[in-house]
Full PDB file with SEQRES, HELIX, SHEET, SSBOND, CRYST1, ORIGX, SCALE, CONECT and MASTER records, all heavy atoms in Angstrom:
SEQRES   1 A   37  ASP PRO GLU GLN TRP ARG ARG LEU MET ALA GLU GLU LYS          
SEQRES   2 A   37  GLN ARG GLY ILE THR TYR VAL VAL LEU ALA GLY ALA GLU          
SEQRES   3 A   37  PRO SER LEU VAL PRO GLU LEU LEU GLY VAL CYS                  
HELIX    1 AA1 PRO A    2  GLN A   14  1                                  13    
HELIX    2 AA2 PRO A   27  LEU A   29  5                                   3    
HELIX    3 AA3 PRO A   31  VAL A   36  1                                   6    
CRYST1    1.000    1.000    1.000  90.00  90.00  90.00 P 1           1          
ORIGX1      1.000000  0.000000  0.000000        0.00000                         
ORIGX2      0.000000  1.000000  0.000000        0.00000                         
ORIGX3      0.000000  0.000000  1.000000        0.00000                         
SCALE1      1.000000  0.000000  0.000000        0.00000                         
SCALE2      0.000000  1.000000  0.000000        0.00000                         
SCALE3      0.000000  0.000000  1.000000        0.00000                         
ATOM      1  N   ASP A   1      -0.955  15.632   7.653  1.00  0.00           N  
ATOM      2  CA  ASP A   1       0.141  15.602   6.702  1.00  0.00           C  
ATOM      3  C   ASP A   1       0.451  14.134   6.395  1.00  0.00           C  
ATOM      4  O   ASP A   1       1.011  13.463   7.398  1.00  0.00           O  
ATOM      5  CB  ASP A   1       1.352  16.231   7.339  1.00  0.00           C  
ATOM      6  CG  ASP A   1       2.656  16.277   6.498  1.00  0.00           C  
ATOM      7  OD1 ASP A   1       2.501  15.866   5.344  1.00  0.00           O  
ATOM      8  OD2 ASP A   1       3.698  16.521   6.960  1.00  0.00           O  
ATOM      9  N   PRO A   2       0.358  13.641   5.206  1.00  0.00           N  
ATOM     10  CA  PRO A   2       0.609  12.280   4.909  1.00  0.00           C  
ATOM     11  C   PRO A   2       2.111  11.860   5.205  1.00  0.00           C  
ATOM     12  O   PRO A   2       2.273  10.702   5.587  1.00  0.00           O  
ATOM     13  CB  PRO A   2       0.386  12.177   3.396  1.00  0.00           C  
ATOM     14  CG  PRO A   2      -0.565  13.293   3.153  1.00  0.00           C  
ATOM     15  CD  PRO A   2      -0.218  14.327   4.057  1.00  0.00           C  
ATOM     16  N   GLU A   3       3.010  12.743   5.041  1.00  0.00           N  
ATOM     17  CA  GLU A   3       4.437  12.414   5.386  1.00  0.00           C  
ATOM     18  C   GLU A   3       4.670  12.068   6.685  1.00  0.00           C  
ATOM     19  O   GLU A   3       5.380  11.148   7.033  1.00  0.00           O  
ATOM     20  CB  GLU A   3       5.356  13.494   4.802  1.00  0.00           C  
ATOM     21  CG  GLU A   3       6.811  13.108   4.846  1.00  0.00           C  
ATOM     22  CD  GLU A   3       7.163  11.837   4.175  1.00  0.00           C  
ATOM     23  OE1 GLU A   3       6.544  11.597   3.088  1.00  0.00           O  
ATOM     24  OE2 GLU A   3       7.988  11.090   4.623  1.00  0.00           O  
ATOM     25  N   GLN A   4       4.043  12.817   7.653  1.00  0.00           N  
ATOM     26  CA  GLN A   4       4.207  12.554   9.074  1.00  0.00           C  
ATOM     27  C   GLN A   4       3.635  11.185   9.521  1.00  0.00           C  
ATOM     28  O   GLN A   4       4.152  10.516  10.235  1.00  0.00           O  
ATOM     29  CB  GLN A   4       3.562  13.666   9.961  1.00  0.00           C  
ATOM     30  CG  GLN A   4       4.368  15.072   9.808  1.00  0.00           C  
ATOM     31  CD  GLN A   4       3.829  16.010  10.737  1.00  0.00           C  
ATOM     32  OE1 GLN A   4       3.729  15.752  12.023  1.00  0.00           O  
ATOM     33  NE2 GLN A   4       3.400  17.202  10.393  1.00  0.00           N  
ATOM     34  N   TRP A   5       2.432  10.957   8.837  1.00  0.00           N  
ATOM     35  CA  TRP A   5       1.817   9.569   9.059  1.00  0.00           C  
ATOM     36  C   TRP A   5       2.709   8.468   8.471  1.00  0.00           C  
ATOM     37  O   TRP A   5       2.765   7.409   9.054  1.00  0.00           O  
ATOM     38  CB  TRP A   5       0.400   9.611   8.503  1.00  0.00           C  
ATOM     39  CG  TRP A   5      -0.605  10.189   9.444  1.00  0.00           C  
ATOM     40  CD1 TRP A   5      -1.014  11.502   9.447  1.00  0.00           C  
ATOM     41  CD2 TRP A   5      -1.249   9.546  10.519  1.00  0.00           C  
ATOM     42  NE1 TRP A   5      -1.881  11.692  10.503  1.00  0.00           N  
ATOM     43  CE2 TRP A   5      -2.107  10.632  11.165  1.00  0.00           C  
ATOM     44  CE3 TRP A   5      -1.248   8.263  11.049  1.00  0.00           C  
ATOM     45  CZ2 TRP A   5      -2.809  10.185  12.306  1.00  0.00           C  
ATOM     46  CZ3 TRP A   5      -2.008   7.898  12.193  1.00  0.00           C  
ATOM     47  CH2 TRP A   5      -2.838   8.907  12.802  1.00  0.00           C  
ATOM     48  N   ARG A   6       3.230   8.720   7.337  1.00  0.00           N  
ATOM     49  CA  ARG A   6       4.000   7.759   6.652  1.00  0.00           C  
ATOM     50  C   ARG A   6       5.323   7.446   7.739  1.00  0.00           C  
ATOM     51  O   ARG A   6       5.678   6.185   7.813  1.00  0.00           O  
ATOM     52  CB  ARG A   6       4.520   8.157   5.363  1.00  0.00           C  
ATOM     53  CG  ARG A   6       5.322   7.152   4.497  1.00  0.00           C  
ATOM     54  CD  ARG A   6       5.636   7.582   3.099  1.00  0.00           C  
ATOM     55  NE  ARG A   6       4.432   7.837   2.323  1.00  0.00           N  
ATOM     56  CZ  ARG A   6       3.872   8.840   1.953  1.00  0.00           C  
ATOM     57  NH1 ARG A   6       4.426   9.991   2.384  1.00  0.00           N  
ATOM     58  NH2 ARG A   6       2.823   9.026   1.227  1.00  0.00           N  
ATOM     59  N   ARG A   7       5.918   8.473   8.177  1.00  0.00           N  
ATOM     60  CA  ARG A   7       7.016   8.262   9.074  1.00  0.00           C  
ATOM     61  C   ARG A   7       6.618   7.509  10.338  1.00  0.00           C  
ATOM     62  O   ARG A   7       7.346   6.613  10.784  1.00  0.00           O  
ATOM     63  CB  ARG A   7       7.769   9.580   9.476  1.00  0.00           C  
ATOM     64  CG  ARG A   7       8.509  10.260   8.344  1.00  0.00           C  
ATOM     65  CD  ARG A   7       9.416  11.288   8.921  1.00  0.00           C  
ATOM     66  NE  ARG A   7       8.739  12.435   9.576  1.00  0.00           N  
ATOM     67  CZ  ARG A   7       8.280  13.511   8.985  1.00  0.00           C  
ATOM     68  NH1 ARG A   7       8.560  13.637   7.703  1.00  0.00           N  
ATOM     69  NH2 ARG A   7       7.701  14.436   9.659  1.00  0.00           N  
ATOM     70  N   LEU A   8       5.476   7.850  10.874  1.00  0.00           N  
ATOM     71  CA  LEU A   8       4.962   7.121  12.076  1.00  0.00           C  
ATOM     72  C   LEU A   8       4.770   5.685  11.762  1.00  0.00           C  
ATOM     73  O   LEU A   8       5.155   4.787  12.589  1.00  0.00           O  
ATOM     74  CB  LEU A   8       3.613   7.753  12.547  1.00  0.00           C  
ATOM     75  CG  LEU A   8       2.965   7.062  13.681  1.00  0.00           C  
ATOM     76  CD1 LEU A   8       3.850   7.112  14.962  1.00  0.00           C  
ATOM     77  CD2 LEU A   8       1.599   7.601  14.024  1.00  0.00           C  
ATOM     78  N   MET A   9       4.174   5.305  10.702  1.00  0.00           N  
ATOM     79  CA  MET A   9       3.814   3.905  10.372  1.00  0.00           C  
ATOM     80  C   MET A   9       5.160   3.204  10.141  1.00  0.00           C  
ATOM     81  O   MET A   9       5.271   1.997  10.556  1.00  0.00           O  
ATOM     82  CB  MET A   9       2.868   3.799   9.163  1.00  0.00           C  
ATOM     83  CG  MET A   9       1.470   4.233   9.355  1.00  0.00           C  
ATOM     84  SD  MET A   9       0.639   3.091  10.563  1.00  0.00           S  
ATOM     85  CE  MET A   9       0.284   4.237  11.834  1.00  0.00           C  
ATOM     86  N   ALA A  10       6.123   3.795   9.423  1.00  0.00           N  
ATOM     87  CA  ALA A  10       7.543   3.221   9.297  1.00  0.00           C  
ATOM     88  C   ALA A  10       8.103   2.883  10.607  1.00  0.00           C  
ATOM     89  O   ALA A  10       8.717   1.850  10.863  1.00  0.00           O  
ATOM     90  CB  ALA A  10       8.295   4.013   8.351  1.00  0.00           C  
ATOM     91  N   GLU A  11       7.954   3.876  11.597  1.00  0.00           N  
ATOM     92  CA  GLU A  11       8.590   3.686  12.928  1.00  0.00           C  
ATOM     93  C   GLU A  11       7.842   2.526  13.658  1.00  0.00           C  
ATOM     94  O   GLU A  11       8.408   1.707  14.384  1.00  0.00           O  
ATOM     95  CB  GLU A  11       8.491   4.952  13.710  1.00  0.00           C  
ATOM     96  CG  GLU A  11       9.376   6.025  13.058  1.00  0.00           C  
ATOM     97  CD  GLU A  11       9.143   7.461  13.701  1.00  0.00           C  
ATOM     98  OE1 GLU A  11       8.165   7.461  14.475  1.00  0.00           O  
ATOM     99  OE2 GLU A  11       9.785   8.413  13.401  1.00  0.00           O  
ATOM    100  N   GLU A  12       6.506   2.529  13.535  1.00  0.00           N  
ATOM    101  CA  GLU A  12       5.780   1.419  14.216  1.00  0.00           C  
ATOM    102  C   GLU A  12       6.138   0.081  13.718  1.00  0.00           C  
ATOM    103  O   GLU A  12       6.270  -0.900  14.433  1.00  0.00           O  
ATOM    104  CB  GLU A  12       4.170   1.746  13.983  1.00  0.00           C  
ATOM    105  CG  GLU A  12       3.685   2.907  14.713  1.00  0.00           C  
ATOM    106  CD  GLU A  12       3.631   2.709  16.267  1.00  0.00           C  
ATOM    107  OE1 GLU A  12       2.721   2.169  16.717  1.00  0.00           O  
ATOM    108  OE2 GLU A  12       4.734   3.098  16.930  1.00  0.00           O  
ATOM    109  N   LYS A  13       6.282  -0.024  12.331  1.00  0.00           N  
ATOM    110  CA  LYS A  13       6.659  -1.252  11.722  1.00  0.00           C  
ATOM    111  C   LYS A  13       8.080  -1.803  12.286  1.00  0.00           C  
ATOM    112  O   LYS A  13       8.229  -2.902  12.613  1.00  0.00           O  
ATOM    113  CB  LYS A  13       6.720  -1.158  10.294  1.00  0.00           C  
ATOM    114  CG  LYS A  13       6.922  -2.456   9.515  1.00  0.00           C  
ATOM    115  CD  LYS A  13       6.810  -2.231   7.968  1.00  0.00           C  
ATOM    116  CE  LYS A  13       7.034  -3.521   7.195  1.00  0.00           C  
ATOM    117  NZ  LYS A  13       6.945  -3.103   5.739  1.00  0.00           N  
ATOM    118  N   GLN A  14       8.894  -0.770  12.379  1.00  0.00           N  
ATOM    119  CA  GLN A  14      10.219  -1.018  12.960  1.00  0.00           C  
ATOM    120  C   GLN A  14      10.099  -1.489  14.436  1.00  0.00           C  
ATOM    121  O   GLN A  14      10.885  -2.364  14.819  1.00  0.00           O  
ATOM    122  CB  GLN A  14      11.133   0.157  12.833  1.00  0.00           C  
ATOM    123  CG  GLN A  14      12.584  -0.047  13.202  1.00  0.00           C  
ATOM    124  CD  GLN A  14      13.413  -0.982  12.296  1.00  0.00           C  
ATOM    125  OE1 GLN A  14      13.032  -1.134  11.173  1.00  0.00           O  
ATOM    126  NE2 GLN A  14      14.285  -1.727  12.906  1.00  0.00           N  
ATOM    127  N   ARG A  15       9.150  -0.936  15.114  1.00  0.00           N  
ATOM    128  CA  ARG A  15       8.979  -1.294  16.492  1.00  0.00           C  
ATOM    129  C   ARG A  15       8.310  -2.679  16.679  1.00  0.00           C  
ATOM    130  O   ARG A  15       8.254  -3.125  17.883  1.00  0.00           O  
ATOM    131  CB  ARG A  15       8.137  -0.139  17.123  1.00  0.00           C  
ATOM    132  CG  ARG A  15       8.100  -0.093  18.658  1.00  0.00           C  
ATOM    133  CD  ARG A  15       7.324   1.195  19.130  1.00  0.00           C  
ATOM    134  NE  ARG A  15       6.050   1.257  18.774  1.00  0.00           N  
ATOM    135  CZ  ARG A  15       4.938   0.724  19.446  1.00  0.00           C  
ATOM    136  NH1 ARG A  15       5.249  -0.027  20.582  1.00  0.00           N  
ATOM    137  NH2 ARG A  15       3.783   0.864  18.999  1.00  0.00           N  
ATOM    138  N   GLY A  16       7.960  -3.218  15.707  1.00  0.00           N  
ATOM    139  CA  GLY A  16       7.366  -4.583  15.777  1.00  0.00           C  
ATOM    140  C   GLY A  16       5.805  -4.654  15.645  1.00  0.00           C  
ATOM    141  O   GLY A  16       5.214  -5.715  15.798  1.00  0.00           O  
ATOM    142  N   ILE A  17       5.168  -3.543  15.358  1.00  0.00           N  
ATOM    143  CA  ILE A  17       3.698  -3.536  15.213  1.00  0.00           C  
ATOM    144  C   ILE A  17       3.394  -4.224  13.868  1.00  0.00           C  
ATOM    145  O   ILE A  17       3.916  -3.692  12.758  1.00  0.00           O  
ATOM    146  CB  ILE A  17       3.253  -2.113  15.304  1.00  0.00           C  
ATOM    147  CG1 ILE A  17       3.467  -1.540  16.698  1.00  0.00           C  
ATOM    148  CG2 ILE A  17       1.670  -2.002  14.991  1.00  0.00           C  
ATOM    149  CD1 ILE A  17       2.941  -2.376  17.807  1.00  0.00           C  
ATOM    150  N   THR A  18       2.441  -5.137  13.869  1.00  0.00           N  
ATOM    151  CA  THR A  18       2.139  -5.727  12.649  1.00  0.00           C  
ATOM    152  C   THR A  18       0.648  -5.640  12.289  1.00  0.00           C  
ATOM    153  O   THR A  18       0.141  -6.179  11.281  1.00  0.00           O  
ATOM    154  CB  THR A  18       2.347  -7.323  12.733  1.00  0.00           C  
ATOM    155  OG1 THR A  18       1.652  -7.830  13.922  1.00  0.00           O  
ATOM    156  CG2 THR A  18       3.853  -7.576  12.981  1.00  0.00           C  
ATOM    157  N   TYR A  19      -0.119  -4.949  13.182  1.00  0.00           N  
ATOM    158  CA  TYR A  19      -1.570  -4.799  12.888  1.00  0.00           C  
ATOM    159  C   TYR A  19      -1.985  -3.308  13.478  1.00  0.00           C  
ATOM    160  O   TYR A  19      -1.689  -3.124  14.617  1.00  0.00           O  
ATOM    161  CB  TYR A  19      -2.267  -5.879  13.710  1.00  0.00           C  
ATOM    162  CG  TYR A  19      -3.819  -5.965  13.340  1.00  0.00           C  
ATOM    163  CD1 TYR A  19      -4.265  -6.801  12.357  1.00  0.00           C  
ATOM    164  CD2 TYR A  19      -4.722  -5.093  13.966  1.00  0.00           C  
ATOM    165  CE1 TYR A  19      -5.650  -6.855  12.036  1.00  0.00           C  
ATOM    166  CE2 TYR A  19      -6.043  -5.026  13.588  1.00  0.00           C  
ATOM    167  CZ  TYR A  19      -6.492  -5.962  12.723  1.00  0.00           C  
ATOM    168  OH  TYR A  19      -7.796  -6.027  12.356  1.00  0.00           O  
ATOM    169  N   VAL A  20      -2.774  -2.593  12.690  1.00  0.00           N  
ATOM    170  CA  VAL A  20      -3.139  -1.337  13.204  1.00  0.00           C  
ATOM    171  C   VAL A  20      -4.676  -1.280  13.108  1.00  0.00           C  
ATOM    172  O   VAL A  20      -5.335  -1.832  12.337  1.00  0.00           O  
ATOM    173  CB  VAL A  20      -2.660  -0.190  12.173  1.00  0.00           C  
ATOM    174  CG1 VAL A  20      -1.057  -0.194  12.114  1.00  0.00           C  
ATOM    175  CG2 VAL A  20      -3.098  -0.438  10.753  1.00  0.00           C  
ATOM    176  N   VAL A  21      -5.225  -0.560  14.178  1.00  0.00           N  
ATOM    177  CA  VAL A  21      -6.636  -0.297  14.272  1.00  0.00           C  
ATOM    178  C   VAL A  21      -6.773   1.254  14.118  1.00  0.00           C  
ATOM    179  O   VAL A  21      -6.280   2.017  14.941  1.00  0.00           O  
ATOM    180  CB  VAL A  21      -7.184  -0.769  15.719  1.00  0.00           C  
ATOM    181  CG1 VAL A  21      -8.712  -0.392  15.723  1.00  0.00           C  
ATOM    182  CG2 VAL A  21      -6.955  -2.147  15.841  1.00  0.00           C  
ATOM    183  N   LEU A  22      -7.444   1.619  12.970  1.00  0.00           N  
ATOM    184  CA  LEU A  22      -7.610   3.027  12.672  1.00  0.00           C  
ATOM    185  C   LEU A  22      -8.972   3.409  13.085  1.00  0.00           C  
ATOM    186  O   LEU A  22      -9.968   2.925  12.561  1.00  0.00           O  
ATOM    187  CB  LEU A  22      -7.326   3.218  11.173  1.00  0.00           C  
ATOM    188  CG  LEU A  22      -6.044   2.639  10.661  1.00  0.00           C  
ATOM    189  CD1 LEU A  22      -5.909   2.992   9.167  1.00  0.00           C  
ATOM    190  CD2 LEU A  22      -4.861   3.058  11.370  1.00  0.00           C  
ATOM    191  N   ALA A  23      -8.994   4.420  13.886  1.00  0.00           N  
ATOM    192  CA  ALA A  23     -10.293   5.010  14.434  1.00  0.00           C  
ATOM    193  C   ALA A  23     -10.354   6.516  14.350  1.00  0.00           C  
ATOM    194  O   ALA A  23      -9.615   7.158  13.612  1.00  0.00           O  
ATOM    195  CB  ALA A  23     -10.476   4.419  15.868  1.00  0.00           C  
ATOM    196  N   GLY A  24     -11.004   7.123  15.252  1.00  0.00           N  
ATOM    197  CA  GLY A  24     -11.152   8.576  15.177  1.00  0.00           C  
ATOM    198  C   GLY A  24     -11.762   9.013  16.454  1.00  0.00           C  
ATOM    199  O   GLY A  24     -11.770   8.441  17.450  1.00  0.00           O  
ATOM    200  N   ALA A  25     -12.492   9.961  16.207  1.00  0.00           N  
ATOM    201  CA  ALA A  25     -13.661  10.298  15.483  1.00  0.00           C  
ATOM    202  C   ALA A  25     -13.928   9.500  14.225  1.00  0.00           C  
ATOM    203  O   ALA A  25     -14.058   8.231  14.367  1.00  0.00           O  
ATOM    204  CB  ALA A  25     -13.660  11.698  15.204  1.00  0.00           C  
ATOM    205  N   GLU A  26     -13.951  10.000  12.984  1.00  0.00           N  
ATOM    206  CA  GLU A  26     -14.330   9.228  11.872  1.00  0.00           C  
ATOM    207  C   GLU A  26     -13.265   9.183  10.799  1.00  0.00           C  
ATOM    208  O   GLU A  26     -12.987  10.045  10.141  1.00  0.00           O  
ATOM    209  CB  GLU A  26     -15.639   9.848  11.207  1.00  0.00           C  
ATOM    210  CG  GLU A  26     -16.042   9.197   9.948  1.00  0.00           C  
ATOM    211  CD  GLU A  26     -16.149   7.708   9.993  1.00  0.00           C  
ATOM    212  OE1 GLU A  26     -16.728   7.197  11.016  1.00  0.00           O  
ATOM    213  OE2 GLU A  26     -15.600   6.981   9.150  1.00  0.00           O  
ATOM    214  N   PRO A  27     -12.547   8.014  10.770  1.00  0.00           N  
ATOM    215  CA  PRO A  27     -11.464   7.854   9.794  1.00  0.00           C  
ATOM    216  C   PRO A  27     -11.684   8.008   8.294  1.00  0.00           C  
ATOM    217  O   PRO A  27     -10.789   8.364   7.608  1.00  0.00           O  
ATOM    218  CB  PRO A  27     -10.803   6.455  10.101  1.00  0.00           C  
ATOM    219  CG  PRO A  27     -11.895   5.770  10.741  1.00  0.00           C  
ATOM    220  CD  PRO A  27     -12.834   6.768  11.447  1.00  0.00           C  
ATOM    221  N   SER A  28     -12.866   7.791   7.858  1.00  0.00           N  
ATOM    222  CA  SER A  28     -13.282   7.863   6.482  1.00  0.00           C  
ATOM    223  C   SER A  28     -13.062   9.319   5.913  1.00  0.00           C  
ATOM    224  O   SER A  28     -13.029   9.620   4.718  1.00  0.00           O  
ATOM    225  CB  SER A  28     -14.623   7.173   6.131  1.00  0.00           C  
ATOM    226  OG  SER A  28     -15.611   8.123   6.804  1.00  0.00           O  
ATOM    227  N   LEU A  29     -13.037  10.302   6.866  1.00  0.00           N  
ATOM    228  CA  LEU A  29     -12.971  11.613   6.466  1.00  0.00           C  
ATOM    229  C   LEU A  29     -11.467  12.100   5.986  1.00  0.00           C  
ATOM    230  O   LEU A  29     -11.246  13.115   5.568  1.00  0.00           O  
ATOM    231  CB  LEU A  29     -13.428  12.525   7.672  1.00  0.00           C  
ATOM    232  CG  LEU A  29     -14.836  12.513   7.968  1.00  0.00           C  
ATOM    233  CD1 LEU A  29     -15.157  13.317   9.280  1.00  0.00           C  
ATOM    234  CD2 LEU A  29     -15.735  13.044   6.787  1.00  0.00           C  
ATOM    235  N   VAL A  30     -10.524  11.152   6.300  1.00  0.00           N  
ATOM    236  CA  VAL A  30      -9.169  11.360   5.902  1.00  0.00           C  
ATOM    237  C   VAL A  30      -8.661  10.237   5.019  1.00  0.00           C  
ATOM    238  O   VAL A  30      -7.725   9.505   5.427  1.00  0.00           O  
ATOM    239  CB  VAL A  30      -8.277  11.639   7.115  1.00  0.00           C  
ATOM    240  CG1 VAL A  30      -8.472  12.929   7.739  1.00  0.00           C  
ATOM    241  CG2 VAL A  30      -8.397  10.550   8.191  1.00  0.00           C  
ATOM    242  N   PRO A  31      -9.208  10.019   3.789  1.00  0.00           N  
ATOM    243  CA  PRO A  31      -8.972   8.866   3.029  1.00  0.00           C  
ATOM    244  C   PRO A  31      -7.434   8.721   2.694  1.00  0.00           C  
ATOM    245  O   PRO A  31      -6.978   7.580   2.546  1.00  0.00           O  
ATOM    246  CB  PRO A  31      -9.793   8.952   1.813  1.00  0.00           C  
ATOM    247  CG  PRO A  31     -10.170  10.525   1.748  1.00  0.00           C  
ATOM    248  CD  PRO A  31     -10.196  10.926   3.167  1.00  0.00           C  
ATOM    249  N   GLU A  32      -6.861   9.785   2.382  1.00  0.00           N  
ATOM    250  CA  GLU A  32      -5.422   9.715   2.057  1.00  0.00           C  
ATOM    251  C   GLU A  32      -4.550   9.092   3.086  1.00  0.00           C  
ATOM    252  O   GLU A  32      -3.654   8.279   2.824  1.00  0.00           O  
ATOM    253  CB  GLU A  32      -4.796  11.120   1.662  1.00  0.00           C  
ATOM    254  CG  GLU A  32      -3.425  11.078   1.094  1.00  0.00           C  
ATOM    255  CD  GLU A  32      -2.879  12.402   0.696  1.00  0.00           C  
ATOM    256  OE1 GLU A  32      -3.669  13.440   0.843  1.00  0.00           O  
ATOM    257  OE2 GLU A  32      -1.844  12.441   0.115  1.00  0.00           O  
ATOM    258  N   LEU A  33      -4.890   9.411   4.357  1.00  0.00           N  
ATOM    259  CA  LEU A  33      -4.067   8.837   5.475  1.00  0.00           C  
ATOM    260  C   LEU A  33      -4.304   7.420   5.697  1.00  0.00           C  
ATOM    261  O   LEU A  33      -3.441   6.602   6.042  1.00  0.00           O  
ATOM    262  CB  LEU A  33      -4.453   9.625   6.729  1.00  0.00           C  
ATOM    263  CG  LEU A  33      -4.185  11.160   6.816  1.00  0.00           C  
ATOM    264  CD1 LEU A  33      -4.530  11.644   8.170  1.00  0.00           C  
ATOM    265  CD2 LEU A  33      -2.777  11.473   6.336  1.00  0.00           C  
ATOM    266  N   LEU A  34      -5.490   6.993   5.295  1.00  0.00           N  
ATOM    267  CA  LEU A  34      -5.820   5.451   5.332  1.00  0.00           C  
ATOM    268  C   LEU A  34      -4.917   4.728   4.405  1.00  0.00           C  
ATOM    269  O   LEU A  34      -4.353   3.641   4.696  1.00  0.00           O  
ATOM    270  CB  LEU A  34      -7.309   5.213   5.011  1.00  0.00           C  
ATOM    271  CG  LEU A  34      -8.379   5.941   5.963  1.00  0.00           C  
ATOM    272  CD1 LEU A  34      -9.745   5.436   5.557  1.00  0.00           C  
ATOM    273  CD2 LEU A  34      -8.137   5.665   7.424  1.00  0.00           C  
ATOM    274  N   GLY A  35      -4.766   5.302   3.236  1.00  0.00           N  
ATOM    275  CA  GLY A  35      -3.952   4.764   2.127  1.00  0.00           C  
ATOM    276  C   GLY A  35      -2.525   4.703   2.624  1.00  0.00           C  
ATOM    277  O   GLY A  35      -1.831   3.661   2.343  1.00  0.00           O  
ATOM    278  N   VAL A  36      -2.009   5.719   3.267  1.00  0.00           N  
ATOM    279  CA  VAL A  36      -0.673   5.745   3.791  1.00  0.00           C  
ATOM    280  C   VAL A  36      -0.417   4.642   4.766  1.00  0.00           C  
ATOM    281  O   VAL A  36       0.581   3.965   4.689  1.00  0.00           O  
ATOM    282  CB  VAL A  36      -0.386   7.213   4.414  1.00  0.00           C  
ATOM    283  CG1 VAL A  36       1.027   7.067   5.226  1.00  0.00           C  
ATOM    284  CG2 VAL A  36      -0.237   8.277   3.329  1.00  0.00           C  
ATOM    285  N   CYS A  37      -1.332   4.436   5.648  1.00  0.00           N  
ATOM    286  CA  CYS A  37      -1.154   3.377   6.731  1.00  0.00           C  
ATOM    287  C   CYS A  37      -1.231   2.064   6.024  1.00  0.00           C  
ATOM    288  O   CYS A  37      -0.374   1.223   6.428  1.00  0.00           O  
ATOM    289  CB  CYS A  37      -2.305   3.550   7.690  1.00  0.00           C  
ATOM    290  SG  CYS A  37      -2.239   5.093   8.754  1.00  0.00           S  
TER     291      CYS A  37                                                      
MASTER        0    0    0    3    0    0    0    6  290    1    0    3          
END                                                                             
């Protein structure tokens, strides 16, 4: 769900996270979520 990921990333940014490492299994299979992050 893109909205749940959007909320998580907003919370992470508020928490002071400035860099994300997106992995998986295979992250290219969820392209919309990559854009949200």
